[in-house]
Amino acid sequence: MTASIAQACRSVLLTAEPRAKVMAARVVARLWRRGALRYAFDVEMPARPARPDAPALLPPNRMPKRGRAGSERSRIALLHALAHIEFGAIDLAFDMAGRFGAAFPRSFVDDWLSVGADEALHFALLDRRLRVLGAHYGALPAHDGLWEAAAGTAQDAGARLAVVPMVLEARGLDVTPATLAAFERAGDPRSAAILGRIYRDEIRHVSIGTAWFKSWCESRHLAAAPEWQRLIRRHFRGIVKPPFNDSARGEAGLSRDFYAGVAPDEAA
């Protein structure tokens, strides 16, 4: 029997080895586009995705300092951290489709599998760049904060949409332009170009998440911004902190009336 979309998403989540996960993500996205997977949600997603033996996962407060800004060591550490984020984002996208797809129109799966394919490409680009610089993904420790931030929303599609694309990915829109500029100043235009590609794609990802969150709220006759604020206060342990890239957030449909109500005073 033809595999279901839920079975295919689960297979990506249970693939630990990084290159194999990238390939699995691309294959599932391609099979879905071709109509080769059944639209059925007949298996549950795992509580946690499989992880490779490396990198070692440490608590955030035990992560080593990255060193002097602009040094090659610092740039490798930053690229490794970004690769780890993109690796985790593959799982988050496929988990979104497989875990919550039954509650939404079919286009929800279309969107999140396209996001997952993008995240797989981003990881591959960053890992390739690390190897050019004499490193590789897994050579440095990392932390599991990205998945931990989403784990508490496993039973709540609205909360997952609020936390993952509209907080975690939106934060990337705030910090990436300055990071990209730092790589350019350090004479590393190749890394900067990769970050530029990721930045453009992440605007689309935040846009997808925001649009589905608004649709979810509309179907429940809820005002989107107050409901987002309520869910963030309940499900997100961190701080939605400035400065914000209002232009990129606005392009993604995430207007300031969402996050101004939960962020600390920028003047403080």
C-alpha atoms as a PDB file:
ATOM      1  CA  MET A   1       0.000   0.000   0.000  1.00  0.00           C
ATOM      2  CA  THR A   2       1.168   3.540  -0.745  1.00  0.00           C
ATOM      3  CA  ALA A   3       2.624   5.290   2.294  1.00  0.00           C
ATOM      4  CA  SER A   4       0.584   8.020   3.955  1.00  0.00           C
ATOM      5  CA  ILE A   5       1.797  11.572   4.463  1.00  0.00           C
ATOM      6  CA  ALA A   6       1.847  10.941   8.226  1.00  0.00           C
ATOM      7  CA  GLN A   7       4.038   7.849   7.782  1.00  0.00           C
ATOM      8  CA  ALA A   8       6.374   9.813   5.519  1.00  0.00           C
ATOM      9  CA  CYS A   9       6.666  12.714   7.989  1.00  0.00           C
ATOM     10  CA  ARG A  10       7.332  10.270  10.817  1.00  0.00           C
ATOM     11  CA  SER A  11      10.112   8.664   8.774  1.00  0.00           C
ATOM     12  CA  VAL A  12      11.859  12.040   8.456  1.00  0.00           C
ATOM     13  CA  LEU A  13      11.569  12.641  12.200  1.00  0.00           C
ATOM     14  CA  LEU A  14      13.014   9.210  12.978  1.00  0.00           C
ATOM     15  CA  THR A  15      16.028   9.655  10.683  1.00  0.00           C
ATOM     16  CA  ALA A  16      18.982  10.670  12.848  1.00  0.00           C
ATOM     17  CA  GLU A  17      21.992  10.979  10.534  1.00  0.00           C
ATOM     18  CA  PRO A  18      22.087  14.535   9.137  1.00  0.00           C
ATOM     19  CA  ARG A  19      22.701  13.812   5.459  1.00  0.00           C
ATOM     20  CA  ALA A  20      20.130  11.019   5.521  1.00  0.00           C
ATOM     21  CA  LYS A  21      17.584  13.372   7.124  1.00  0.00           C
ATOM     22  CA  VAL A  22      18.212  15.965   4.419  1.00  0.00           C
ATOM     23  CA  MET A  23      17.668  13.357   1.721  1.00  0.00           C
ATOM     24  CA  ALA A  24      14.558  11.977   3.445  1.00  0.00           C
ATOM     25  CA  ALA A  25      13.081  15.477   3.704  1.00  0.00           C
ATOM     26  CA  ARG A  26      13.684  16.157   0.025  1.00  0.00           C
ATOM     27  CA  VAL A  27      12.265  12.803  -1.050  1.00  0.00           C
ATOM     28  CA  VAL A  28       9.098  13.193   1.022  1.00  0.00           C
ATOM     29  CA  ALA A  29       8.518  16.724  -0.273  1.00  0.00           C
ATOM     30  CA  ARG A  30       8.994  15.532  -3.840  1.00  0.00           C
ATOM     31  CA  LEU A  31       6.689  12.517  -3.425  1.00  0.00           C
ATOM     32  CA  TRP A  32       4.013  14.743  -1.934  1.00  0.00           C
ATOM     33  CA  ARG A  33       4.216  17.206  -4.832  1.00  0.00           C
ATOM     34  CA  ARG A  34       3.842  14.286  -7.251  1.00  0.00           C
ATOM     35  CA  GLY A  35       0.768  12.974  -5.456  1.00  0.00           C
ATOM     36  CA  ALA A  36       2.563   9.755  -4.514  1.00  0.00           C
ATOM     37  CA  LEU A  37       1.592   9.843  -0.825  1.00  0.00           C
ATOM     38  CA  ARG A  38      -1.872   9.189   0.610  1.00  0.00           C
ATOM     39  CA  TYR A  39      -3.552  12.094   2.362  1.00  0.00           C
ATOM     40  CA  ALA A  40      -4.013  10.209   5.620  1.00  0.00           C
ATOM     41  CA  PHE A  41      -2.949  10.758   9.226  1.00  0.00           C
ATOM     42  CA  ASP A  42      -2.814   7.178  10.424  1.00  0.00           C
ATOM     43  CA  VAL A  43       0.272   7.225  12.665  1.00  0.00           C
ATOM     44  CA  GLU A  44       1.365   9.502  15.497  1.00  0.00           C
ATOM     45  CA  MET A  45       4.453  11.658  15.396  1.00  0.00           C
ATOM     46  CA  PRO A  46       7.216  10.693  17.865  1.00  0.00           C
ATOM     47  CA  ALA A  47       7.510  12.646  21.095  1.00  0.00           C
ATOM     48  CA  ARG A  48      11.081  13.550  20.089  1.00  0.00           C
ATOM     49  CA  PRO A  49      12.898  13.298  16.777  1.00  0.00           C
ATOM     50  CA  ALA A  50      15.909  11.038  16.400  1.00  0.00           C
ATOM     51  CA  ARG A  51      19.239  12.770  16.914  1.00  0.00           C
ATOM     52  CA  PRO A  52      22.761  11.870  15.765  1.00  0.00           C
ATOM     53  CA  ASP A  53      25.524  11.065  18.251  1.00  0.00           C
ATOM     54  CA  ALA A  54      27.064  14.484  17.552  1.00  0.00           C
ATOM     55  CA  PRO A  55      26.784  17.303  18.326  1.00  0.00           C
ATOM     56  CA  ALA A  56      26.742  16.900  22.086  1.00  0.00           C
ATOM     57  CA  LEU A  57      23.676  18.705  23.455  1.00  0.00           C
ATOM     58  CA  LEU A  58      24.343  20.998  26.414  1.00  0.00           C
ATOM     59  CA  PRO A  59      22.109  23.281  28.474  1.00  0.00           C
ATOM     60  CA  PRO A  60      22.192  26.805  27.013  1.00  0.00           C
ATOM     61  CA  ASN A  61      24.075  28.143  30.054  1.00  0.00           C
ATOM     62  CA  ARG A  62      26.897  25.631  29.481  1.00  0.00           C
ATOM     63  CA  MET A  63      27.486  26.530  25.837  1.00  0.00           C
ATOM     64  CA  PRO A  64      31.058  27.791  25.240  1.00  0.00           C
ATOM     65  CA  LYS A  65      31.658  31.409  24.231  1.00  0.00           C
ATOM     66  CA  ARG A  66      32.166  31.961  20.519  1.00  0.00           C
ATOM     67  CA  GLY A  67      35.305  34.056  20.889  1.00  0.00           C
ATOM     68  CA  ARG A  68      36.365  37.287  19.250  1.00  0.00           C
ATOM     69  CA  ALA A  69      33.844  38.633  16.769  1.00  0.00           C
ATOM     70  CA  GLY A  70      35.041  38.347  13.193  1.00  0.00           C
ATOM     71  CA  SER A  71      37.643  35.650  13.821  1.00  0.00           C
ATOM     72  CA  GLU A  72      37.431  32.440  11.810  1.00  0.00           C
ATOM     73  CA  ARG A  73      36.833  30.477  14.998  1.00  0.00           C
ATOM     74  CA  SER A  74      33.930  32.756  15.883  1.00  0.00           C
ATOM     75  CA  ARG A  75      32.454  32.495  12.399  1.00  0.00           C
ATOM     76  CA  ILE A  76      32.689  28.689  12.435  1.00  0.00           C
ATOM     77  CA  ALA A  77      30.953  28.619  15.830  1.00  0.00           C
ATOM     78  CA  LEU A  78      28.176  30.855  14.532  1.00  0.00           C
ATOM     79  CA  LEU A  79      27.720  28.838  11.335  1.00  0.00           C
ATOM     80  CA  HIS A  80      27.591  25.673  13.417  1.00  0.00           C
ATOM     81  CA  ALA A  81      24.912  27.177  15.673  1.00  0.00           C
ATOM     82  CA  LEU A  82      22.892  28.204  12.616  1.00  0.00           C
ATOM     83  CA  ALA A  83      23.287  24.740  11.078  1.00  0.00           C
ATOM     84  CA  HIS A  84      21.944  23.228  14.295  1.00  0.00           C
ATOM     85  CA  ILE A  85      18.921  25.536  14.172  1.00  0.00           C
ATOM     86  CA  GLU A  86      18.213  24.566  10.567  1.00  0.00           C
ATOM     87  CA  PHE A  87      18.651  20.871  11.369  1.00  0.00           C
ATOM     88  CA  GLY A  88      16.041  21.151  14.107  1.00  0.00           C
ATOM     89  CA  ALA A  89      13.799  23.206  11.846  1.00  0.00           C
ATOM     90  CA  ILE A  90      13.558  20.277   9.403  1.00  0.00           C
ATOM     91  CA  ASP A  91      11.924  18.230  12.154  1.00  0.00           C
ATOM     92  CA  LEU A  92       9.678  21.087  13.268  1.00  0.00           C
ATOM     93  CA  ALA A  93       8.283  21.535   9.760  1.00  0.00           C
ATOM     94  CA  PHE A  94       7.604  17.836   9.151  1.00  0.00           C
ATOM     95  CA  ASP A  95       6.180  17.471  12.647  1.00  0.00           C
ATOM     96  CA  MET A  96       3.848  20.399  11.945  1.00  0.00           C
ATOM     97  CA  ALA A  97       2.535  18.698   8.805  1.00  0.00           C
ATOM     98  CA  GLY A  98       2.277  15.205  10.266  1.00  0.00           C
ATOM     99  CA  ARG A  99       0.959  16.152  13.702  1.00  0.00           C
ATOM    100  CA  PHE A 100      -1.565  18.840  12.798  1.00  0.00           C
ATOM    101  CA  GLY A 101      -2.316  18.332   9.104  1.00  0.00           C
ATOM    102  CA  ALA A 102      -5.625  16.555   9.711  1.00  0.00           C
ATOM    103  CA  ALA A 103      -7.049  19.680  11.380  1.00  0.00           C
ATOM    104  CA  PHE A 104      -6.373  21.940   8.404  1.00  0.00           C
ATOM    105  CA  PRO A 105      -6.963  22.013   4.640  1.00  0.00           C
ATOM    106  CA  ARG A 106      -4.628  20.019   2.418  1.00  0.00           C
ATOM    107  CA  SER A 107      -2.721  23.202   1.564  1.00  0.00           C
ATOM    108  CA  PHE A 108      -1.427  23.238   5.151  1.00  0.00           C
ATOM    109  CA  VAL A 109       0.612  20.130   4.350  1.00  0.00           C
ATOM    110  CA  ASP A 110       1.705  21.693   1.043  1.00  0.00           C
ATOM    111  CA  ASP A 111       3.060  24.708   2.893  1.00  0.00           C
ATOM    112  CA  TRP A 112       4.867  22.917   5.717  1.00  0.00           C
ATOM    113  CA  LEU A 113       6.500  20.339   3.476  1.00  0.00           C
ATOM    114  CA  SER A 114       7.797  23.186   1.327  1.00  0.00           C
ATOM    115  CA  VAL A 115       9.165  24.796   4.498  1.00  0.00           C
ATOM    116  CA  GLY A 116      10.780  21.496   5.501  1.00  0.00           C
ATOM    117  CA  ALA A 117      12.446  21.183   2.102  1.00  0.00           C
ATOM    118  CA  ASP A 118      13.799  24.728   2.478  1.00  0.00           C
ATOM    119  CA  GLU A 119      15.188  23.940   5.939  1.00  0.00           C
ATOM    120  CA  ALA A 120      16.911  20.840   4.570  1.00  0.00           C
ATOM    121  CA  LEU A 121      18.555  22.960   1.876  1.00  0.00           C
ATOM    122  CA  HIS A 122      19.615  25.566   4.424  1.00  0.00           C
ATOM    123  CA  PHE A 123      21.237  22.913   6.599  1.00  0.00           C
ATOM    124  CA  ALA A 124      23.041  21.392   3.609  1.00  0.00           C
ATOM    125  CA  LEU A 125      24.396  24.799   2.559  1.00  0.00           C
ATOM    126  CA  LEU A 126      25.647  25.581   6.056  1.00  0.00           C
ATOM    127  CA  ASP A 127      27.210  22.149   6.570  1.00  0.00           C
ATOM    128  CA  ARG A 128      28.966  22.421   3.212  1.00  0.00           C
ATOM    129  CA  ARG A 129      30.308  25.833   4.182  1.00  0.00           C
ATOM    130  CA  LEU A 130      31.556  24.476   7.513  1.00  0.00           C
ATOM    131  CA  ARG A 131      33.433  21.742   5.674  1.00  0.00           C
ATOM    132  CA  VAL A 132      35.093  24.295   3.388  1.00  0.00           C
ATOM    133  CA  LEU A 133      36.246  26.088   6.539  1.00  0.00           C
ATOM    134  CA  GLY A 134      37.693  22.867   7.964  1.00  0.00           C
ATOM    135  CA  ALA A 135      34.832  21.967  10.306  1.00  0.00           C
ATOM    136  CA  HIS A 136      31.534  20.063  10.045  1.00  0.00           C
ATOM    137  CA  TYR A 137      28.185  19.792  11.749  1.00  0.00           C
ATOM    138  CA  GLY A 138      28.684  17.907  15.011  1.00  0.00           C
ATOM    139  CA  ALA A 139      32.214  19.220  15.588  1.00  0.00           C
ATOM    140  CA  LEU A 140      30.977  21.637  18.282  1.00  0.00           C
ATOM    141  CA  PRO A 141      28.397  21.285  21.040  1.00  0.00           C
ATOM    142  CA  ALA A 142      24.878  22.633  20.632  1.00  0.00           C
ATOM    143  CA  HIS A 143      21.714  22.939  22.687  1.00  0.00           C
ATOM    144  CA  ASP A 144      18.217  21.551  22.223  1.00  0.00           C
ATOM    145  CA  GLY A 145      16.306  24.704  23.008  1.00  0.00           C
ATOM    146  CA  LEU A 146      14.519  24.862  19.662  1.00  0.00           C
ATOM    147  CA  TRP A 147      12.753  21.531  20.100  1.00  0.00           C
ATOM    148  CA  GLU A 148      12.193  22.074  23.823  1.00  0.00           C
ATOM    149  CA  ALA A 149      10.423  25.350  23.053  1.00  0.00           C
ATOM    150  CA  ALA A 150       8.005  23.480  20.778  1.00  0.00           C
ATOM    151  CA  ALA A 151       7.545  20.319  22.858  1.00  0.00           C
ATOM    152  CA  GLY A 152       4.932  21.864  25.114  1.00  0.00           C
ATOM    153  CA  THR A 153       2.642  22.566  22.166  1.00  0.00           C
ATOM    154  CA  ALA A 154       2.325  18.984  20.908  1.00  0.00           C
ATOM    155  CA  GLN A 155      -1.433  18.943  21.547  1.00  0.00           C
ATOM    156  CA  ASP A 156      -2.248  22.498  20.443  1.00  0.00           C
ATOM    157  CA  ALA A 157      -1.932  23.562  16.802  1.00  0.00           C
ATOM    158  CA  GLY A 158      -2.579  27.219  17.560  1.00  0.00           C
ATOM    159  CA  ALA A 159       0.103  27.309  20.234  1.00  0.00           C
ATOM    160  CA  ARG A 160       2.601  25.536  17.954  1.00  0.00           C
ATOM    161  CA  LEU A 161       1.957  28.084  15.187  1.00  0.00           C
ATOM    162  CA  ALA A 162       2.276  30.920  17.693  1.00  0.00           C
ATOM    163  CA  VAL A 163       5.575  29.695  19.140  1.00  0.00           C
ATOM    164  CA  VAL A 164       7.541  28.195  16.251  1.00  0.00           C
ATOM    165  CA  PRO A 165       7.122  30.416  13.184  1.00  0.00           C
ATOM    166  CA  MET A 166       5.874  33.552  14.944  1.00  0.00           C
ATOM    167  CA  VAL A 167       8.471  33.669  17.754  1.00  0.00           C
ATOM    168  CA  LEU A 168      11.402  31.371  17.013  1.00  0.00           C
ATOM    169  CA  GLU A 169      11.647  31.907  13.251  1.00  0.00           C
ATOM    170  CA  ALA A 170      10.636  35.549  13.531  1.00  0.00           C
ATOM    171  CA  ARG A 171      13.615  36.082  15.829  1.00  0.00           C
ATOM    172  CA  GLY A 172      15.823  35.061  12.928  1.00  0.00           C
ATOM    173  CA  LEU A 173      14.414  37.967  10.920  1.00  0.00           C
ATOM    174  CA  ASP A 174      15.586  40.333  13.676  1.00  0.00           C
ATOM    175  CA  VAL A 175      19.158  39.078  14.041  1.00  0.00           C
ATOM    176  CA  THR A 176      20.152  37.807  10.579  1.00  0.00           C
ATOM    177  CA  PRO A 177      20.796  41.190   8.871  1.00  0.00           C
ATOM    178  CA  ALA A 178      23.390  42.163  11.488  1.00  0.00           C
ATOM    179  CA  THR A 179      24.970  38.697  11.354  1.00  0.00           C
ATOM    180  CA  LEU A 180      25.148  38.860   7.570  1.00  0.00           C
ATOM    181  CA  ALA A 181      26.823  42.272   7.756  1.00  0.00           C
ATOM    182  CA  ALA A 182      29.365  40.917  10.262  1.00  0.00           C
ATOM    183  CA  PHE A 183      30.353  38.137   7.837  1.00  0.00           C
ATOM    184  CA  GLU A 184      30.754  40.678   5.058  1.00  0.00           C
ATOM    185  CA  ARG A 185      32.978  42.865   7.265  1.00  0.00           C
ATOM    186  CA  ALA A 186      35.059  39.810   8.091  1.00  0.00           C
ATOM    187  CA  GLY A 187      35.700  39.207   4.386  1.00  0.00           C
ATOM    188  CA  ASP A 188      33.479  36.126   4.125  1.00  0.00           C
ATOM    189  CA  PRO A 189      31.007  36.908   1.327  1.00  0.00           C
ATOM    190  CA  ARG A 190      30.237  33.216   0.690  1.00  0.00           C
ATOM    191  CA  SER A 191      28.844  32.738   4.183  1.00  0.00           C
ATOM    192  CA  ALA A 192      27.034  36.060   3.915  1.00  0.00           C
ATOM    193  CA  ALA A 193      25.371  34.923   0.684  1.00  0.00           C
ATOM    194  CA  ILE A 194      24.094  31.765   2.396  1.00  0.00           C
ATOM    195  CA  LEU A 195      22.631  33.851   5.213  1.00  0.00           C
ATOM    196  CA  GLY A 196      20.995  36.109   2.641  1.00  0.00           C
ATOM    197  CA  ARG A 197      19.303  33.109   1.031  1.00  0.00           C
ATOM    198  CA  ILE A 198      18.125  31.819   4.412  1.00  0.00           C
ATOM    199  CA  TYR A 199      16.828  35.269   5.400  1.00  0.00           C
ATOM    200  CA  ARG A 200      14.667  35.577   2.283  1.00  0.00           C
ATOM    201  CA  ASP A 201      13.241  32.088   2.782  1.00  0.00           C
ATOM    202  CA  GLU A 202      12.543  32.699   6.468  1.00  0.00           C
ATOM    203  CA  ILE A 203      10.378  35.709   5.650  1.00  0.00           C
ATOM    204  CA  ARG A 204       8.211  33.314   3.649  1.00  0.00           C
ATOM    205  CA  HIS A 205       8.192  30.770   6.473  1.00  0.00           C
ATOM    206  CA  VAL A 206       7.052  33.353   9.019  1.00  0.00           C
ATOM    207  CA  SER A 207       4.431  34.485   6.531  1.00  0.00           C
ATOM    208  CA  ILE A 208       3.125  30.916   6.183  1.00  0.00           C
ATOM    209  CA  GLY A 209       2.959  30.435   9.936  1.00  0.00           C
ATOM    210  CA  THR A 210       1.287  33.789  10.533  1.00  0.00           C
ATOM    211  CA  ALA A 211      -1.301  33.188   7.804  1.00  0.00           C
ATOM    212  CA  TRP A 212      -2.228  29.771   9.213  1.00  0.00           C
ATOM    213  CA  PHE A 213      -2.389  31.162  12.745  1.00  0.00           C
ATOM    214  CA  LYS A 214      -4.762  33.894  11.595  1.00  0.00           C
ATOM    215  CA  SER A 215      -6.858  31.275   9.776  1.00  0.00           C
ATOM    216  CA  TRP A 216      -6.908  29.125  12.924  1.00  0.00           C
ATOM    217  CA  CYS A 217      -8.098  32.116  14.973  1.00  0.00           C
ATOM    218  CA  GLU A 218     -10.707  33.111  12.396  1.00  0.00           C
ATOM    219  CA  SER A 219     -12.204  29.609  12.422  1.00  0.00           C
ATOM    220  CA  ARG A 220     -12.667  29.993  16.184  1.00  0.00           C
ATOM    221  CA  HIS A 221     -13.899  33.607  16.046  1.00  0.00           C
ATOM    222  CA  LEU A 222     -10.853  34.822  17.959  1.00  0.00           C
ATOM    223  CA  ALA A 223      -8.980  38.096  17.513  1.00  0.00           C
ATOM    224  CA  ALA A 224      -5.549  37.010  16.295  1.00  0.00           C
ATOM    225  CA  ALA A 225      -3.202  39.404  18.117  1.00  0.00           C
ATOM    226  CA  PRO A 226      -4.712  39.023  21.625  1.00  0.00           C
ATOM    227  CA  GLU A 227      -4.929  35.243  21.187  1.00  0.00           C
ATOM    228  CA  TRP A 228      -1.280  35.083  20.085  1.00  0.00           C
ATOM    229  CA  GLN A 229      -0.272  37.086  23.153  1.00  0.00           C
ATOM    230  CA  ARG A 230      -2.264  34.771  25.419  1.00  0.00           C
ATOM    231  CA  LEU A 231      -0.660  31.670  23.920  1.00  0.00           C
ATOM    232  CA  ILE A 232       2.853  33.103  24.118  1.00  0.00           C
ATOM    233  CA  ARG A 233       2.444  33.977  27.783  1.00  0.00           C
ATOM    234  CA  ARG A 234       1.275  30.431  28.442  1.00  0.00           C
ATOM    235  CA  HIS A 235       3.576  28.369  26.208  1.00  0.00           C
ATOM    236  CA  PHE A 236       6.785  30.336  25.581  1.00  0.00           C
ATOM    237  CA  ARG A 237       9.299  30.383  28.423  1.00  0.00           C
ATOM    238  CA  GLY A 238      11.631  32.934  26.905  1.00  0.00           C
ATOM    239  CA  ILE A 239      11.269  36.637  26.240  1.00  0.00           C
ATOM    240  CA  VAL A 240      10.011  38.162  23.004  1.00  0.00           C
ATOM    241  CA  LYS A 241      12.686  40.810  23.042  1.00  0.00           C
ATOM    242  CA  PRO A 242      13.580  43.797  20.874  1.00  0.00           C
ATOM    243  CA  PRO A 243      15.043  45.150  18.721  1.00  0.00           C
ATOM    244  CA  PHE A 244      12.597  43.993  16.059  1.00  0.00           C
ATOM    245  CA  ASN A 245      12.983  43.999  12.296  1.00  0.00           C
ATOM    246  CA  ASP A 246       9.577  45.586  11.793  1.00  0.00           C
ATOM    247  CA  SER A 247      10.022  45.723   8.021  1.00  0.00           C
ATOM    248  CA  ALA A 248      10.664  41.989   7.565  1.00  0.00           C
ATOM    249  CA  ARG A 249       8.076  41.058  10.182  1.00  0.00           C
ATOM    250  CA  GLY A 250       5.530  43.282   8.461  1.00  0.00           C
ATOM    251  CA  GLU A 251       6.344  41.707   5.090  1.00  0.00           C
ATOM    252  CA  ALA A 252       5.549  38.353   6.702  1.00  0.00           C
ATOM    253  CA  GLY A 253       2.205  39.633   8.016  1.00  0.00           C
ATOM    254  CA  LEU A 254       3.403  39.749  11.625  1.00  0.00           C
ATOM    255  CA  SER A 255       2.407  43.316  12.466  1.00  0.00           C
ATOM    256  CA  ARG A 256       3.638  45.135  15.536  1.00  0.00           C
ATOM    257  CA  ASP A 257       0.289  44.885  17.323  1.00  0.00           C
ATOM    258  CA  PHE A 258       1.098  41.191  17.912  1.00  0.00           C
ATOM    259  CA  TYR A 259       4.434  41.425  19.667  1.00  0.00           C
ATOM    260  CA  ALA A 260       4.423  44.931  21.141  1.00  0.00           C
ATOM    261  CA  GLY A 261       2.036  43.700  23.811  1.00  0.00           C
ATOM    262  CA  VAL A 262       4.396  41.018  25.148  1.00  0.00           C
ATOM    263  CA  ALA A 263       7.828  42.558  24.551  1.00  0.00           C
ATOM    264  CA  PRO A 264       9.742  44.498  27.213  1.00  0.00           C
ATOM    265  CA  ASP A 265      10.036  48.241  26.718  1.00  0.00           C
ATOM    266  CA  GLU A 266      12.638  48.867  23.988  1.00  0.00           C
ATOM    267  CA  ALA A 267      13.753  51.988  25.782  1.00  0.00           C
ATOM    268  CA  ALA A 268      14.497  50.080  28.978  1.00  0.00           C
END
